[in-house]
């Protein structure tokens, strides 16, 4: 198989078909990657429904508000988990009692017990529909767009013997002078395995940042996604392509969140200065230098959209946004 995955032939009423299993590199630390997205389906016991799933998930993560939405993905009903942390969907005769849960980056950062979650999923025979594993290089020394391009032109991504397809996104014509960031996509999402290498710091708004990220997304199209990918993401990310076998640095969820939140905050401050700085200056004149009055007139609830992906952690530790206190590295 061109994917480089391990192949298992299974028989059913339709005949034989191939099921792919992602390979691992077990010499790499299991924590050399972070889970950045996960989706699964599960059938609650005793004809229970989505409320049972939500109650169970509270063992492993923080669940904030649940906001009802319209149906999606063939399910009759759905709800948003928290503020863009994820979704849950249920209902519909064709679904045969299944409940679907998807957690994206913010939701995954709120999981505090990945081994517990993986064990619970296995206990109830849930089906993993998607899992993303990511590795951050804050200094761009090992992972970068230039490195990814060189690996692609060589054999670094030739996991199964044939060079996979690729896509480029962002201001590639600017080359190393890019300020908004570039993304190199490897493979085809329709095949169930897709790799992205992108300039994460620039994406968040720092035009000088060297922070680069590589992440691999697995979906369950004729593919088995094992439960322990949630507890050993480094093993699976390193095994995804030959060029990733070098991974050896343990990843820190808090460091990644702090770094991203700091960049987003500084960018939001700069935008506010450009758009409202003169108004603040005028308001200080009007209120005779009374800073408290100016703040009271301008403040409004909530956080800027740019900072929202990190809002759960920021609300509990606002000082993480002060780079002079916690550092920018």
C-alpha atoms as a PDB file:
ATOM      1  CA  UNK A   1       0.000   0.000   0.000  1.00  0.00           C
ATOM      2  CA  UNK A   2       1.271   3.469  -0.848  1.00  0.00           C
ATOM      3  CA  UNK A   3       0.240   4.766   2.573  1.00  0.00           C
ATOM      4  CA  UNK A   4       2.974   2.777   4.301  1.00  0.00           C
ATOM      5  CA  UNK A   5       0.418   1.390   6.761  1.00  0.00           C
ATOM      6  CA  UNK A   6       0.280  -2.238   7.806  1.00  0.00           C
ATOM      7  CA  UNK A   7      -2.341  -4.228   5.886  1.00  0.00           C
ATOM      8  CA  UNK A   8      -4.749  -6.802   7.310  1.00  0.00           C
ATOM      9  CA  UNK A   9      -7.107  -8.774   5.084  1.00  0.00           C
ATOM     10  CA  UNK A  10     -10.519  -9.366   6.628  1.00  0.00           C
ATOM     11  CA  UNK A  11     -13.448 -11.376   5.293  1.00  0.00           C
ATOM     12  CA  UNK A  12     -17.121 -10.502   5.561  1.00  0.00           C
ATOM     13  CA  UNK A  13     -20.289 -11.040   3.530  1.00  0.00           C
ATOM     14  CA  UNK A  14     -18.887  -8.855   0.755  1.00  0.00           C
ATOM     15  CA  UNK A  15     -15.678 -10.873   0.498  1.00  0.00           C
ATOM     16  CA  UNK A  16     -12.155  -9.883   1.433  1.00  0.00           C
ATOM     17  CA  UNK A  17     -11.152  -6.290   2.059  1.00  0.00           C
ATOM     18  CA  UNK A  18      -8.020  -4.594   3.331  1.00  0.00           C
ATOM     19  CA  UNK A  19      -7.902  -2.765   6.656  1.00  0.00           C
ATOM     20  CA  UNK A  20      -4.951  -0.455   7.249  1.00  0.00           C
ATOM     21  CA  UNK A  21      -3.181  -0.180  10.599  1.00  0.00           C
ATOM     22  CA  UNK A  22      -0.862   2.765  11.277  1.00  0.00           C
ATOM     23  CA  UNK A  23       2.707   1.661  12.091  1.00  0.00           C
ATOM     24  CA  UNK A  24       4.635   2.908  15.113  1.00  0.00           C
ATOM     25  CA  UNK A  25       8.203   3.724  16.073  1.00  0.00           C
ATOM     26  CA  UNK A  26       8.403   2.482  19.643  1.00  0.00           C
ATOM     27  CA  UNK A  27      11.865   3.941  20.297  1.00  0.00           C
ATOM     28  CA  UNK A  28      10.310   7.415  20.194  1.00  0.00           C
ATOM     29  CA  UNK A  29       8.846   8.790  23.454  1.00  0.00           C
ATOM     30  CA  UNK A  30       5.069   8.280  23.493  1.00  0.00           C
ATOM     31  CA  UNK A  31       4.679  11.940  24.472  1.00  0.00           C
ATOM     32  CA  UNK A  32       6.641  13.244  21.481  1.00  0.00           C
ATOM     33  CA  UNK A  33       3.326  14.450  20.041  1.00  0.00           C
ATOM     34  CA  UNK A  34       0.060  15.939  21.258  1.00  0.00           C
ATOM     35  CA  UNK A  35      -3.449  14.851  20.308  1.00  0.00           C
ATOM     36  CA  UNK A  36      -4.984  17.826  18.518  1.00  0.00           C
ATOM     37  CA  UNK A  37      -8.263  16.296  17.316  1.00  0.00           C
ATOM     38  CA  UNK A  38     -10.272  13.165  18.039  1.00  0.00           C
ATOM     39  CA  UNK A  39     -13.684  11.916  16.956  1.00  0.00           C
ATOM     40  CA  UNK A  40     -15.508   8.717  17.841  1.00  0.00           C
ATOM     41  CA  UNK A  41     -18.872   6.981  17.810  1.00  0.00           C
ATOM     42  CA  UNK A  42     -20.203   5.025  20.760  1.00  0.00           C
ATOM     43  CA  UNK A  43     -23.401   3.142  21.586  1.00  0.00           C
ATOM     44  CA  UNK A  44     -24.532   3.934  25.151  1.00  0.00           C
ATOM     45  CA  UNK A  45     -25.665   0.944  27.233  1.00  0.00           C
ATOM     46  CA  UNK A  46     -29.274   0.223  28.179  1.00  0.00           C
ATOM     47  CA  UNK A  47     -30.697   2.458  25.440  1.00  0.00           C
ATOM     48  CA  UNK A  48     -29.277   5.580  27.048  1.00  0.00           C
ATOM     49  CA  UNK A  49     -28.317   8.489  24.846  1.00  0.00           C
ATOM     50  CA  UNK A  50     -26.089  11.525  24.591  1.00  0.00           C
ATOM     51  CA  UNK A  51     -26.636  12.628  28.212  1.00  0.00           C
ATOM     52  CA  UNK A  52     -24.925   9.443  29.392  1.00  0.00           C
ATOM     53  CA  UNK A  53     -21.986  10.162  27.074  1.00  0.00           C
ATOM     54  CA  UNK A  54     -21.629  13.699  28.413  1.00  0.00           C
ATOM     55  CA  UNK A  55     -21.810  12.521  32.019  1.00  0.00           C
ATOM     56  CA  UNK A  56     -19.137   9.897  31.345  1.00  0.00           C
ATOM     57  CA  UNK A  57     -16.850  12.346  29.543  1.00  0.00           C
ATOM     58  CA  UNK A  58     -16.765  14.554  32.622  1.00  0.00           C
ATOM     59  CA  UNK A  59     -14.480  11.944  34.185  1.00  0.00           C
ATOM     60  CA  UNK A  60     -11.771  12.768  31.676  1.00  0.00           C
ATOM     61  CA  UNK A  61     -12.199  16.405  30.690  1.00  0.00           C
ATOM     62  CA  UNK A  62     -13.824  19.696  31.555  1.00  0.00           C
ATOM     63  CA  UNK A  63     -17.191  20.197  29.876  1.00  0.00           C
ATOM     64  CA  UNK A  64     -18.564  23.704  29.798  1.00  0.00           C
ATOM     65  CA  UNK A  65     -21.859  24.755  28.228  1.00  0.00           C
ATOM     66  CA  UNK A  66     -23.838  22.487  25.908  1.00  0.00           C
ATOM     67  CA  UNK A  67     -25.633  24.465  23.198  1.00  0.00           C
ATOM     68  CA  UNK A  68     -28.256  22.632  21.077  1.00  0.00           C
ATOM     69  CA  UNK A  69     -27.853  22.872  17.305  1.00  0.00           C
ATOM     70  CA  UNK A  70     -29.413  21.335  14.235  1.00  0.00           C
ATOM     71  CA  UNK A  71     -28.584  17.788  13.163  1.00  0.00           C
ATOM     72  CA  UNK A  72     -25.342  16.980  11.353  1.00  0.00           C
ATOM     73  CA  UNK A  73     -23.434  14.083   9.769  1.00  0.00           C
ATOM     74  CA  UNK A  74     -26.668  12.132   9.329  1.00  0.00           C
ATOM     75  CA  UNK A  75     -27.689  12.490  12.994  1.00  0.00           C
ATOM     76  CA  UNK A  76     -31.027  14.094  13.823  1.00  0.00           C
ATOM     77  CA  UNK A  77     -29.771  16.249  16.685  1.00  0.00           C
ATOM     78  CA  UNK A  78     -26.507  17.864  17.727  1.00  0.00           C
ATOM     79  CA  UNK A  79     -25.066  20.263  20.269  1.00  0.00           C
ATOM     80  CA  UNK A  80     -21.942  22.341  20.539  1.00  0.00           C
ATOM     81  CA  UNK A  81     -19.664  21.440  23.440  1.00  0.00           C
ATOM     82  CA  UNK A  82     -18.355  24.537  25.174  1.00  0.00           C
ATOM     83  CA  UNK A  83     -17.307  27.476  23.005  1.00  0.00           C
ATOM     84  CA  UNK A  84     -15.927  25.758  19.897  1.00  0.00           C
ATOM     85  CA  UNK A  85     -14.429  22.887  21.914  1.00  0.00           C
ATOM     86  CA  UNK A  86     -16.340  20.210  20.009  1.00  0.00           C
ATOM     87  CA  UNK A  87     -19.694  18.775  18.992  1.00  0.00           C
ATOM     88  CA  UNK A  88     -21.907  15.857  19.975  1.00  0.00           C
ATOM     89  CA  UNK A  89     -24.577  14.397  17.685  1.00  0.00           C
ATOM     90  CA  UNK A  90     -27.230  11.714  18.165  1.00  0.00           C
ATOM     91  CA  UNK A  91     -30.609  10.446  16.973  1.00  0.00           C
ATOM     92  CA  UNK A  92     -31.956   9.043  13.733  1.00  0.00           C
ATOM     93  CA  UNK A  93     -33.103   5.508  12.951  1.00  0.00           C
ATOM     94  CA  UNK A  94     -30.171   4.793  10.643  1.00  0.00           C
ATOM     95  CA  UNK A  95     -27.721   5.522  13.449  1.00  0.00           C
ATOM     96  CA  UNK A  96     -28.934   2.557  15.553  1.00  0.00           C
ATOM     97  CA  UNK A  97     -28.380   4.320  18.868  1.00  0.00           C
ATOM     98  CA  UNK A  98     -24.900   5.620  18.092  1.00  0.00           C
ATOM     99  CA  UNK A  99     -23.650   8.913  19.517  1.00  0.00           C
ATOM    100  CA  UNK A 100     -20.937  10.883  17.717  1.00  0.00           C
ATOM    101  CA  UNK A 101     -18.401  13.072  19.530  1.00  0.00           C
ATOM    102  CA  UNK A 102     -15.754  15.294  17.957  1.00  0.00           C
ATOM    103  CA  UNK A 103     -13.169  17.309  19.902  1.00  0.00           C
ATOM    104  CA  UNK A 104     -10.919  19.753  18.092  1.00  0.00           C
ATOM    105  CA  UNK A 105      -7.822  21.571  19.379  1.00  0.00           C
ATOM    106  CA  UNK A 106      -9.485  23.507  22.185  1.00  0.00           C
ATOM    107  CA  UNK A 107     -11.492  20.505  23.332  1.00  0.00           C
ATOM    108  CA  UNK A 108      -8.436  18.224  23.285  1.00  0.00           C
ATOM    109  CA  UNK A 109      -6.524  20.722  25.417  1.00  0.00           C
ATOM    110  CA  UNK A 110      -9.255  20.365  28.051  1.00  0.00           C
ATOM    111  CA  UNK A 111      -8.789  16.586  28.370  1.00  0.00           C
ATOM    112  CA  UNK A 112      -6.937  15.860  31.612  1.00  0.00           C
ATOM    113  CA  UNK A 113      -6.894  12.036  31.486  1.00  0.00           C
ATOM    114  CA  UNK A 114      -6.059  10.571  28.071  1.00  0.00           C
ATOM    115  CA  UNK A 115      -5.358   7.053  29.427  1.00  0.00           C
ATOM    116  CA  UNK A 116      -8.707   7.084  31.191  1.00  0.00           C
ATOM    117  CA  UNK A 117     -10.500   8.245  28.055  1.00  0.00           C
ATOM    118  CA  UNK A 118      -8.757   5.612  25.914  1.00  0.00           C
ATOM    119  CA  UNK A 119      -9.682   2.884  28.401  1.00  0.00           C
ATOM    120  CA  UNK A 120     -13.302   4.032  28.535  1.00  0.00           C
ATOM    121  CA  UNK A 121     -13.547   4.022  24.735  1.00  0.00           C
ATOM    122  CA  UNK A 122     -12.124   0.506  24.577  1.00  0.00           C
ATOM    123  CA  UNK A 123     -14.405  -0.733  27.380  1.00  0.00           C
ATOM    124  CA  UNK A 124     -17.489   0.415  25.469  1.00  0.00           C
ATOM    125  CA  UNK A 125     -16.172  -0.626  22.036  1.00  0.00           C
ATOM    126  CA  UNK A 126     -16.282   2.865  20.640  1.00  0.00           C
ATOM    127  CA  UNK A 127     -15.025   3.417  17.103  1.00  0.00           C
ATOM    128  CA  UNK A 128     -12.370   6.064  16.615  1.00  0.00           C
ATOM    129  CA  UNK A 129     -13.344   8.012  13.505  1.00  0.00           C
ATOM    130  CA  UNK A 130     -10.464  10.481  13.516  1.00  0.00           C
ATOM    131  CA  UNK A 131      -7.267  11.237  15.421  1.00  0.00           C
ATOM    132  CA  UNK A 132      -4.694  13.981  14.816  1.00  0.00           C
ATOM    133  CA  UNK A 133      -1.210  13.949  16.352  1.00  0.00           C
ATOM    134  CA  UNK A 134       0.958  17.091  16.296  1.00  0.00           C
ATOM    135  CA  UNK A 135       4.580  18.025  17.025  1.00  0.00           C
ATOM    136  CA  UNK A 136       5.715  21.607  17.647  1.00  0.00           C
ATOM    137  CA  UNK A 137       9.158  23.017  16.936  1.00  0.00           C
ATOM    138  CA  UNK A 138       9.066  26.496  18.472  1.00  0.00           C
ATOM    139  CA  UNK A 139      12.455  27.487  17.052  1.00  0.00           C
ATOM    140  CA  UNK A 140      12.032  25.861  13.640  1.00  0.00           C
ATOM    141  CA  UNK A 141      15.366  24.075  13.989  1.00  0.00           C
ATOM    142  CA  UNK A 142      14.205  20.549  13.108  1.00  0.00           C
ATOM    143  CA  UNK A 143      10.783  21.114  11.553  1.00  0.00           C
ATOM    144  CA  UNK A 144      10.218  23.927   9.069  1.00  0.00           C
ATOM    145  CA  UNK A 145       8.736  24.533   5.645  1.00  0.00           C
ATOM    146  CA  UNK A 146      12.200  24.337   4.081  1.00  0.00           C
ATOM    147  CA  UNK A 147      12.794  20.997   5.826  1.00  0.00           C
ATOM    148  CA  UNK A 148       9.403  19.661   4.721  1.00  0.00           C
ATOM    149  CA  UNK A 149       9.991  20.714   1.113  1.00  0.00           C
ATOM    150  CA  UNK A 150      13.385  18.996   1.082  1.00  0.00           C
ATOM    151  CA  UNK A 151      11.897  15.847   2.583  1.00  0.00           C
ATOM    152  CA  UNK A 152       9.142  15.794  -0.006  1.00  0.00           C
ATOM    153  CA  UNK A 153      11.568  16.239  -2.898  1.00  0.00           C
ATOM    154  CA  UNK A 154      13.559  13.355  -1.456  1.00  0.00           C
ATOM    155  CA  UNK A 155      12.073  10.191   0.008  1.00  0.00           C
ATOM    156  CA  UNK A 156      11.012  11.500   3.399  1.00  0.00           C
ATOM    157  CA  UNK A 157       7.278  11.139   2.779  1.00  0.00           C
ATOM    158  CA  UNK A 158       7.420   8.078   0.518  1.00  0.00           C
ATOM    159  CA  UNK A 159       5.911   5.815   3.148  1.00  0.00           C
ATOM    160  CA  UNK A 160       4.792   3.157   0.667  1.00  0.00           C
ATOM    161  CA  UNK A 161       7.203   3.552  -2.207  1.00  0.00           C
ATOM    162  CA  UNK A 162       5.381   6.153  -4.304  1.00  0.00           C
ATOM    163  CA  UNK A 163       5.587   9.904  -3.783  1.00  0.00           C
ATOM    164  CA  UNK A 164       2.258  11.108  -2.358  1.00  0.00           C
ATOM    165  CA  UNK A 165       0.322  14.074  -3.680  1.00  0.00           C
ATOM    166  CA  UNK A 166       0.993  17.492  -2.183  1.00  0.00           C
ATOM    167  CA  UNK A 167      -0.731  20.863  -1.849  1.00  0.00           C
ATOM    168  CA  UNK A 168       0.614  24.306  -0.984  1.00  0.00           C
ATOM    169  CA  UNK A 169      -1.432  26.894   0.915  1.00  0.00           C
ATOM    170  CA  UNK A 170      -0.503  30.435   1.942  1.00  0.00           C
ATOM    171  CA  UNK A 171       1.821  33.130   0.605  1.00  0.00           C
ATOM    172  CA  UNK A 172       4.333  30.777  -1.001  1.00  0.00           C
ATOM    173  CA  UNK A 173       5.390  33.344  -3.606  1.00  0.00           C
ATOM    174  CA  UNK A 174       7.003  35.335  -0.791  1.00  0.00           C
ATOM    175  CA  UNK A 175       9.216  32.409   0.177  1.00  0.00           C
ATOM    176  CA  UNK A 176      11.097  32.902   3.442  1.00  0.00           C
ATOM    177  CA  UNK A 177       9.748  36.472   3.564  1.00  0.00           C
ATOM    178  CA  UNK A 178       6.240  35.127   4.147  1.00  0.00           C
ATOM    179  CA  UNK A 179       4.549  36.922   7.042  1.00  0.00           C
ATOM    180  CA  UNK A 180       1.181  35.121   7.055  1.00  0.00           C
ATOM    181  CA  UNK A 181       2.612  31.637   6.931  1.00  0.00           C
ATOM    182  CA  UNK A 182       2.764  28.705   4.543  1.00  0.00           C
ATOM    183  CA  UNK A 183       1.335  25.193   4.701  1.00  0.00           C
ATOM    184  CA  UNK A 184       2.526  22.088   2.873  1.00  0.00           C
ATOM    185  CA  UNK A 185      -0.068  19.320   2.715  1.00  0.00           C
ATOM    186  CA  UNK A 186       1.029  15.755   2.027  1.00  0.00           C
ATOM    187  CA  UNK A 187      -1.341  13.083   0.787  1.00  0.00           C
ATOM    188  CA  UNK A 188      -5.084  13.098   0.250  1.00  0.00           C
ATOM    189  CA  UNK A 189      -7.605  13.475   3.070  1.00  0.00           C
ATOM    190  CA  UNK A 190     -10.019  11.206   1.184  1.00  0.00           C
ATOM    191  CA  UNK A 191      -7.568   8.326   1.628  1.00  0.00           C
ATOM    192  CA  UNK A 192      -7.768   8.595   5.406  1.00  0.00           C
ATOM    193  CA  UNK A 193      -4.227   9.847   6.081  1.00  0.00           C
ATOM    194  CA  UNK A 194      -3.075  13.417   5.599  1.00  0.00           C
ATOM    195  CA  UNK A 195      -0.052  15.376   6.810  1.00  0.00           C
ATOM    196  CA  UNK A 196       0.255  19.128   7.294  1.00  0.00           C
ATOM    197  CA  UNK A 197       3.423  21.080   7.957  1.00  0.00           C
ATOM    198  CA  UNK A 198       2.806  24.758   8.593  1.00  0.00           C
ATOM    199  CA  UNK A 199       4.192  27.919  10.129  1.00  0.00           C
ATOM    200  CA  UNK A 200       2.085  27.952  13.270  1.00  0.00           C
ATOM    201  CA  UNK A 201       3.456  31.159  14.799  1.00  0.00           C
ATOM    202  CA  UNK A 202       2.840  33.165  11.641  1.00  0.00           C
ATOM    203  CA  UNK A 203      -0.628  31.646  11.331  1.00  0.00           C
ATOM    204  CA  UNK A 204      -1.408  32.982  14.802  1.00  0.00           C
ATOM    205  CA  UNK A 205      -0.212  36.470  13.871  1.00  0.00           C
ATOM    206  CA  UNK A 206       3.527  36.772  14.612  1.00  0.00           C
ATOM    207  CA  UNK A 207       5.211  37.518  11.249  1.00  0.00           C
ATOM    208  CA  UNK A 208       8.683  36.818  12.668  1.00  0.00           C
ATOM    209  CA  UNK A 209       7.909  33.558  14.473  1.00  0.00           C
ATOM    210  CA  UNK A 210       9.896  30.439  13.615  1.00  0.00           C
ATOM    211  CA  UNK A 211       7.332  28.155  15.291  1.00  0.00           C
ATOM    212  CA  UNK A 212       6.507  25.301  12.910  1.00  0.00           C
ATOM    213  CA  UNK A 213       4.161  22.375  13.405  1.00  0.00           C
ATOM    214  CA  UNK A 214       3.816  18.973  11.745  1.00  0.00           C
ATOM    215  CA  UNK A 215       0.614  17.033  12.251  1.00  0.00           C
ATOM    216  CA  UNK A 216      -0.874  13.891  10.789  1.00  0.00           C
ATOM    217  CA  UNK A 217      -4.601  13.273  10.541  1.00  0.00           C
ATOM    218  CA  UNK A 218      -5.951   9.738  10.395  1.00  0.00           C
ATOM    219  CA  UNK A 219      -9.559   8.941   9.465  1.00  0.00           C
ATOM    220  CA  UNK A 220     -11.218   5.545   9.508  1.00  0.00           C
ATOM    221  CA  UNK A 221     -11.716   5.030   5.769  1.00  0.00           C
ATOM    222  CA  UNK A 222     -10.864   1.299   5.559  1.00  0.00           C
ATOM    223  CA  UNK A 223      -8.501   2.012   8.422  1.00  0.00           C
ATOM    224  CA  UNK A 224      -8.324   0.904  12.046  1.00  0.00           C
ATOM    225  CA  UNK A 225      -7.394   3.704  14.453  1.00  0.00           C
ATOM    226  CA  UNK A 226      -6.226   2.062  17.698  1.00  0.00           C
ATOM    227  CA  UNK A 227      -7.214   3.377  21.110  1.00  0.00           C
ATOM    228  CA  UNK A 228      -3.621   3.737  22.283  1.00  0.00           C
ATOM    229  CA  UNK A 229      -2.948   6.420  19.693  1.00  0.00           C
ATOM    230  CA  UNK A 230      -4.463   8.657  22.387  1.00  0.00           C
ATOM    231  CA  UNK A 231      -1.798   7.652  24.924  1.00  0.00           C
ATOM    232  CA  UNK A 232       1.160   7.068  22.572  1.00  0.00           C
ATOM    233  CA  UNK A 233       0.719   9.756  19.895  1.00  0.00           C
ATOM    234  CA  UNK A 234       4.495  10.155  19.541  1.00  0.00           C
ATOM    235  CA  UNK A 235       4.886   6.507  18.504  1.00  0.00           C
ATOM    236  CA  UNK A 236       2.270   6.864  15.771  1.00  0.00           C
ATOM    237  CA  UNK A 237       3.356  10.260  14.473  1.00  0.00           C
ATOM    238  CA  UNK A 238       6.953   9.033  14.175  1.00  0.00           C
ATOM    239  CA  UNK A 239       5.760   5.943  12.307  1.00  0.00           C
ATOM    240  CA  UNK A 240       3.614   7.862   9.834  1.00  0.00           C
ATOM    241  CA  UNK A 241       6.489   8.765   7.462  1.00  0.00           C
ATOM    242  CA  UNK A 242      10.223   7.986   7.325  1.00  0.00           C
ATOM    243  CA  UNK A 243      11.164  11.648   7.855  1.00  0.00           C
ATOM    244  CA  UNK A 244       9.339  11.749  11.210  1.00  0.00           C
ATOM    245  CA  UNK A 245      11.234   8.887  12.829  1.00  0.00           C
ATOM    246  CA  UNK A 246      13.630  11.405  14.430  1.00  0.00           C
ATOM    247  CA  UNK A 247      11.043  12.779  16.890  1.00  0.00           C
ATOM    248  CA  UNK A 248      12.460  12.627  20.397  1.00  0.00           C
ATOM    249  CA  UNK A 249      11.378  15.727  22.337  1.00  0.00           C
ATOM    250  CA  UNK A 250       8.513  15.363  24.805  1.00  0.00           C
ATOM    251  CA  UNK A 251       5.745  17.809  23.998  1.00  0.00           C
ATOM    252  CA  UNK A 252       4.213  20.085  26.636  1.00  0.00           C
ATOM    253  CA  UNK A 253       0.524  20.929  26.354  1.00  0.00           C
ATOM    254  CA  UNK A 254       0.903  23.933  28.658  1.00  0.00           C
ATOM    255  CA  UNK A 255       3.904  25.278  26.761  1.00  0.00           C
ATOM    256  CA  UNK A 256       2.077  24.997  23.447  1.00  0.00           C
ATOM    257  CA  UNK A 257      -1.027  26.702  24.855  1.00  0.00           C
ATOM    258  CA  UNK A 258       1.018  29.477  26.509  1.00  0.00           C
ATOM    259  CA  UNK A 259       3.061  30.154  23.378  1.00  0.00           C
ATOM    260  CA  UNK A 260      -0.014  30.298  21.147  1.00  0.00           C
ATOM    261  CA  UNK A 261      -1.978  32.412  23.607  1.00  0.00           C
ATOM    262  CA  UNK A 262       0.865  34.913  23.970  1.00  0.00           C
ATOM    263  CA  UNK A 263       1.153  35.398  20.211  1.00  0.00           C
ATOM    264  CA  UNK A 264      -2.630  35.772  19.847  1.00  0.00           C
ATOM    265  CA  UNK A 265      -2.777  38.224  22.756  1.00  0.00           C
ATOM    266  CA  UNK A 266       0.062  40.407  21.469  1.00  0.00           C
ATOM    267  CA  UNK A 267      -1.555  40.506  18.039  1.00  0.00           C
ATOM    268  CA  UNK A 268      -4.913  41.440  19.585  1.00  0.00           C
ATOM    269  CA  UNK A 269      -3.238  44.238  21.570  1.00  0.00           C
ATOM    270  CA  UNK A 270      -1.595  45.566  18.421  1.00  0.00           C
ATOM    271  CA  UNK A 271      -4.888  45.481  16.521  1.00  0.00           C
ATOM    272  CA  UNK A 272      -6.619  47.306  19.372  1.00  0.00           C
ATOM    273  CA  UNK A 273      -3.898  49.971  19.419  1.00  0.00           C
ATOM    274  CA  UNK A 274      -4.303  50.539  15.692  1.00  0.00           C
ATOM    275  CA  UNK A 275      -8.095  50.705  15.805  1.00  0.00           C
ATOM    276  CA  UNK A 276      -8.785  52.250  19.209  1.00  0.00           C
ATOM    277  CA  UNK A 277      -5.542  53.870  20.340  1.00  0.00           C
ATOM    278  CA  UNK A 278      -6.534  57.388  19.325  1.00  0.00           C
ATOM    279  CA  UNK A 279      -9.938  56.987  20.950  1.00  0.00           C
ATOM    280  CA  UNK A 280      -8.292  55.932  24.216  1.00  0.00           C
ATOM    281  CA  UNK A 281      -6.005  58.955  24.014  1.00  0.00           C
ATOM    282  CA  UNK A 282      -8.999  61.252  23.445  1.00  0.00           C
ATOM    283  CA  UNK A 283     -10.973  59.584  26.259  1.00  0.00           C
ATOM    284  CA  UNK A 284      -8.096  60.203  28.686  1.00  0.00           C
ATOM    285  CA  UNK A 285      -8.237  63.908  27.799  1.00  0.00           C
ATOM    286  CA  UNK A 286     -12.006  64.013  28.176  1.00  0.00           C
ATOM    287  CA  UNK A 287     -11.927  62.260  31.567  1.00  0.00           C
ATOM    288  CA  UNK A 288      -8.864  64.193  32.738  1.00  0.00           C
ATOM    289  CA  UNK A 289      -6.535  61.211  32.926  1.00  0.00           C
ATOM    290  CA  UNK A 290      -8.954  58.974  34.813  1.00  0.00           C
ATOM    291  CA  UNK A 291      -7.789  55.558  33.531  1.00  0.00           C
ATOM    292  CA  UNK A 292     -10.439  53.688  35.509  1.00  0.00           C
ATOM    293  CA  UNK A 293     -13.226  55.700  33.863  1.00  0.00           C
ATOM    294  CA  UNK A 294     -11.802  55.068  30.395  1.00  0.00           C
ATOM    295  CA  UNK A 295     -11.561  51.320  31.033  1.00  0.00           C
ATOM    296  CA  UNK A 296     -15.083  51.244  32.483  1.00  0.00           C
ATOM    297  CA  UNK A 297     -16.440  52.978  29.360  1.00  0.00           C
ATOM    298  CA  UNK A 298     -14.645  50.638  26.946  1.00  0.00           C
ATOM    299  CA  UNK A 299     -14.690  47.218  28.631  1.00  0.00           C
ATOM    300  CA  UNK A 300     -17.080  44.502  27.430  1.00  0.00           C
ATOM    301  CA  UNK A 301     -17.550  40.842  28.424  1.00  0.00           C
ATOM    302  CA  UNK A 302     -15.672  38.001  26.770  1.00  0.00           C
ATOM    303  CA  UNK A 303     -12.305  37.530  25.093  1.00  0.00           C
ATOM    304  CA  UNK A 304     -11.234  38.484  21.548  1.00  0.00           C
ATOM    305  CA  UNK A 305     -11.904  35.815  18.933  1.00  0.00           C
ATOM    306  CA  UNK A 306      -8.183  35.539  18.293  1.00  0.00           C
ATOM    307  CA  UNK A 307      -7.615  34.416  21.888  1.00  0.00           C
ATOM    308  CA  UNK A 308     -10.737  32.217  22.094  1.00  0.00           C
ATOM    309  CA  UNK A 309      -8.986  28.902  21.233  1.00  0.00           C
ATOM    310  CA  UNK A 310      -7.005  29.340  24.473  1.00  0.00           C
ATOM    311  CA  UNK A 311      -9.773  30.942  26.559  1.00  0.00           C
ATOM    312  CA  UNK A 312     -10.363  27.993  28.901  1.00  0.00           C
ATOM    313  CA  UNK A 313      -6.757  28.028  30.102  1.00  0.00           C
ATOM    314  CA  UNK A 314      -6.395  31.828  29.978  1.00  0.00           C
ATOM    315  CA  UNK A 315      -9.459  32.335  32.186  1.00  0.00           C
ATOM    316  CA  UNK A 316      -7.814  30.179  34.848  1.00  0.00           C
ATOM    317  CA  UNK A 317      -4.363  31.700  34.533  1.00  0.00           C
ATOM    318  CA  UNK A 318      -4.428  35.121  32.803  1.00  0.00           C
ATOM    319  CA  UNK A 319      -0.782  35.649  33.720  1.00  0.00           C
ATOM    320  CA  UNK A 320       0.201  33.134  31.027  1.00  0.00           C
ATOM    321  CA  UNK A 321      -0.359  35.948  28.514  1.00  0.00           C
ATOM    322  CA  UNK A 322       2.358  38.104  30.077  1.00  0.00           C
ATOM    323  CA  UNK A 323       5.479  36.969  28.245  1.00  0.00           C
ATOM    324  CA  UNK A 324       7.674  38.922  30.691  1.00  0.00           C
ATOM    325  CA  UNK A 325       6.477  36.616  33.478  1.00  0.00           C
ATOM    326  CA  UNK A 326       6.276  33.225  31.804  1.00  0.00           C
ATOM    327  CA  UNK A 327       8.677  33.685  28.921  1.00  0.00           C
ATOM    328  CA  UNK A 328       8.081  33.520  25.190  1.00  0.00           C
ATOM    329  CA  UNK A 329      10.101  30.400  24.413  1.00  0.00           C
END
